[in-house]
Amino acid sequence: MFHIGNGNEVAIMKRIISLILVSLFTLSLLSGCNTIRGAGQDIEEGGEAIQRSSS
């Protein structure tokens, strides 16, 4: 009914899909780190502004 291919083709497809998933996961982690870093800088600048206004 369905032709899956020989074992070598299946192994290659699994490897390609795994590489794509790992790449997407890595990119999402890197973009998340940049977002968190930016939020931390914003919070720090806000705290410094509060300190300047209170002194």
N, C-alpha and C. Protein backbone atom coordinates (compact mmCIF):
# COMPACT_ATOMS: atom_id res chain seq x y z
N MET A 1 0.82 -1.19 0.00
CA MET A 1 0.00 0.00 0.00
C MET A 1 0.87 1.25 0.00
N PHE A 2 1.73 1.45 1.00
CA PHE A 2 2.63 2.60 1.06
C PHE A 2 4.05 2.13 0.84
N HIS A 3 4.80 2.90 0.06
CA HIS A 3 6.20 2.58 -0.16
C HIS A 3 7.03 3.49 0.74
N ILE A 4 7.69 2.91 1.72
CA ILE A 4 8.49 3.68 2.67
C ILE A 4 9.90 3.89 2.16
N GLY A 5 10.41 3.01 1.38
CA GLY A 5 11.77 3.11 0.88
C GLY A 5 12.63 2.10 1.60
N ASN A 6 13.87 1.99 1.14
CA ASN A 6 14.75 1.04 1.81
C ASN A 6 15.26 1.63 3.12
N GLY A 7 15.91 0.83 3.92
CA GLY A 7 16.37 1.26 5.24
C GLY A 7 17.31 2.44 5.19
N ASN A 8 18.13 2.54 4.14
CA ASN A 8 19.09 3.63 4.01
C ASN A 8 18.37 4.96 3.81
N GLU A 9 17.32 4.97 2.98
CA GLU A 9 16.56 6.21 2.74
C GLU A 9 15.86 6.67 4.02
N VAL A 10 15.33 5.74 4.76
CA VAL A 10 14.64 6.07 6.00
C VAL A 10 15.64 6.66 7.01
N ALA A 11 16.82 6.07 7.11
CA ALA A 11 17.84 6.57 8.03
C ALA A 11 18.28 7.98 7.65
N ILE A 12 18.42 8.23 6.36
CA ILE A 12 18.82 9.57 5.90
C ILE A 12 17.73 10.59 6.23
N MET A 13 16.47 10.23 6.00
CA MET A 13 15.37 11.15 6.31
C MET A 13 15.29 11.43 7.81
N LYS A 14 15.49 10.41 8.63
CA LYS A 14 15.48 10.61 10.08
C LYS A 14 16.60 11.55 10.50
N ARG A 15 17.76 11.40 9.89
CA ARG A 15 18.90 12.26 10.22
C ARG A 15 18.62 13.71 9.80
N ILE A 16 18.04 13.89 8.62
CA ILE A 16 17.72 15.24 8.16
C ILE A 16 16.69 15.90 9.07
N ILE A 17 15.65 15.16 9.42
CA ILE A 17 14.61 15.70 10.29
C ILE A 17 15.20 16.03 11.66
N SER A 18 16.07 15.17 12.18
CA SER A 18 16.71 15.43 13.47
C SER A 18 17.56 16.69 13.42
N LEU A 19 18.33 16.86 12.35
CA LEU A 19 19.16 18.06 12.22
C LEU A 19 18.32 19.32 12.14
N ILE A 20 17.20 19.25 11.43
CA ILE A 20 16.32 20.41 11.32
C ILE A 20 15.74 20.76 12.69
N LEU A 21 15.29 19.75 13.43
CA LEU A 21 14.72 20.00 14.75
C LEU A 21 15.75 20.56 15.72
N VAL A 22 16.96 20.01 15.70
CA VAL A 22 18.02 20.52 16.58
C VAL A 22 18.36 21.96 16.20
N SER A 23 18.40 22.27 14.92
CA SER A 23 18.70 23.63 14.48
C SER A 23 17.62 24.60 14.94
N LEU A 24 16.37 24.22 14.79
CA LEU A 24 15.28 25.09 15.23
C LEU A 24 15.30 25.29 16.74
N PHE A 25 15.59 24.23 17.48
CA PHE A 25 15.66 24.33 18.94
C PHE A 25 16.80 25.26 19.35
N THR A 26 17.95 25.12 18.71
CA THR A 26 19.10 25.96 19.02
C THR A 26 18.81 27.43 18.71
N LEU A 27 18.20 27.68 17.57
CA LEU A 27 17.85 29.06 17.22
C LEU A 27 16.86 29.66 18.20
N SER A 28 15.90 28.87 18.65
CA SER A 28 14.92 29.39 19.61
C SER A 28 15.59 29.69 20.95
N LEU A 29 16.56 28.88 21.36
CA LEU A 29 17.28 29.17 22.60
C LEU A 29 18.09 30.45 22.47
N LEU A 30 18.77 30.61 21.35
CA LEU A 30 19.58 31.81 21.16
C LEU A 30 18.73 33.07 21.12
N SER A 31 17.61 33.02 20.46
CA SER A 31 16.74 34.20 20.42
C SER A 31 16.14 34.47 21.79
N GLY A 32 15.86 33.43 22.55
CA GLY A 32 15.34 33.61 23.90
C GLY A 32 16.38 34.26 24.81
N CYS A 33 17.64 33.89 24.65
CA CYS A 33 18.70 34.50 25.46
C CYS A 33 18.81 35.98 25.16
N ASN A 34 18.72 36.36 23.91
CA ASN A 34 18.79 37.78 23.56
C ASN A 34 17.62 38.54 24.16
N THR A 35 16.45 37.95 24.15
CA THR A 35 15.27 38.61 24.72
C THR A 35 15.43 38.78 26.22
N ILE A 36 15.89 37.76 26.91
CA ILE A 36 16.08 37.83 28.36
C ILE A 36 17.17 38.84 28.70
N ARG A 37 18.26 38.84 27.92
CA ARG A 37 19.34 39.80 28.15
C ARG A 37 18.81 41.23 28.00
N GLY A 38 18.02 41.46 26.96
CA GLY A 38 17.44 42.79 26.74
C GLY A 38 16.51 43.20 27.87
N ALA A 39 15.71 42.26 28.36
CA ALA A 39 14.82 42.56 29.48
C ALA A 39 15.63 42.88 30.73
N GLY A 40 16.71 42.16 30.96
CA GLY A 40 17.56 42.43 32.12
C GLY A 40 18.19 43.81 32.04
N GLN A 41 18.60 44.21 30.86
CA GLN A 41 19.17 45.55 30.69
C GLN A 41 18.12 46.62 30.94
N ASP A 42 16.90 46.39 30.46
CA ASP A 42 15.83 47.36 30.69
C ASP A 42 15.53 47.50 32.18
N ILE A 43 15.48 46.38 32.89
CA ILE A 43 15.21 46.41 34.33
C ILE A 43 16.33 47.13 35.06
N GLU A 44 17.57 46.86 34.65
CA GLU A 44 18.72 47.52 35.28
C GLU A 44 18.67 49.02 35.04
N GLU A 45 18.37 49.45 33.84
CA GLU A 45 18.28 50.88 33.54
C GLU A 45 17.14 51.53 34.33
N GLY A 46 16.04 50.81 34.48
CA GLY A 46 14.93 51.33 35.29
C GLY A 46 15.33 51.51 36.74
N GLY A 47 16.07 50.54 37.28
CA GLY A 47 16.55 50.65 38.66
C GLY A 47 17.52 51.80 38.84
N GLU A 48 18.38 52.01 37.86
CA GLU A 48 19.32 53.14 37.93
C GLU A 48 18.58 54.47 37.88
N ALA A 49 17.52 54.55 37.07
CA ALA A 49 16.74 55.77 36.99
C ALA A 49 16.06 56.05 38.33
N ILE A 50 15.56 55.02 38.97
CA ILE A 50 14.94 55.18 40.29
C ILE A 50 15.96 55.68 41.31
N GLN A 51 17.16 55.10 41.27
CA GLN A 51 18.22 55.52 42.19
C GLN A 51 18.60 56.98 41.96
N ARG A 52 18.70 57.40 40.71
CA ARG A 52 19.06 58.79 40.41
C ARG A 52 17.97 59.74 40.88
N SER A 53 16.72 59.35 40.72
CA SER A 53 15.63 60.26 41.11
C SER A 53 15.46 60.33 42.61
N SER A 54 15.88 59.31 43.34
CA SER A 54 15.73 59.32 44.80
C SER A 54 16.90 60.01 45.50
N SER A 55 17.99 60.26 44.80
CA SER A 55 19.12 60.91 45.48
C SER A 55 19.23 62.38 45.16
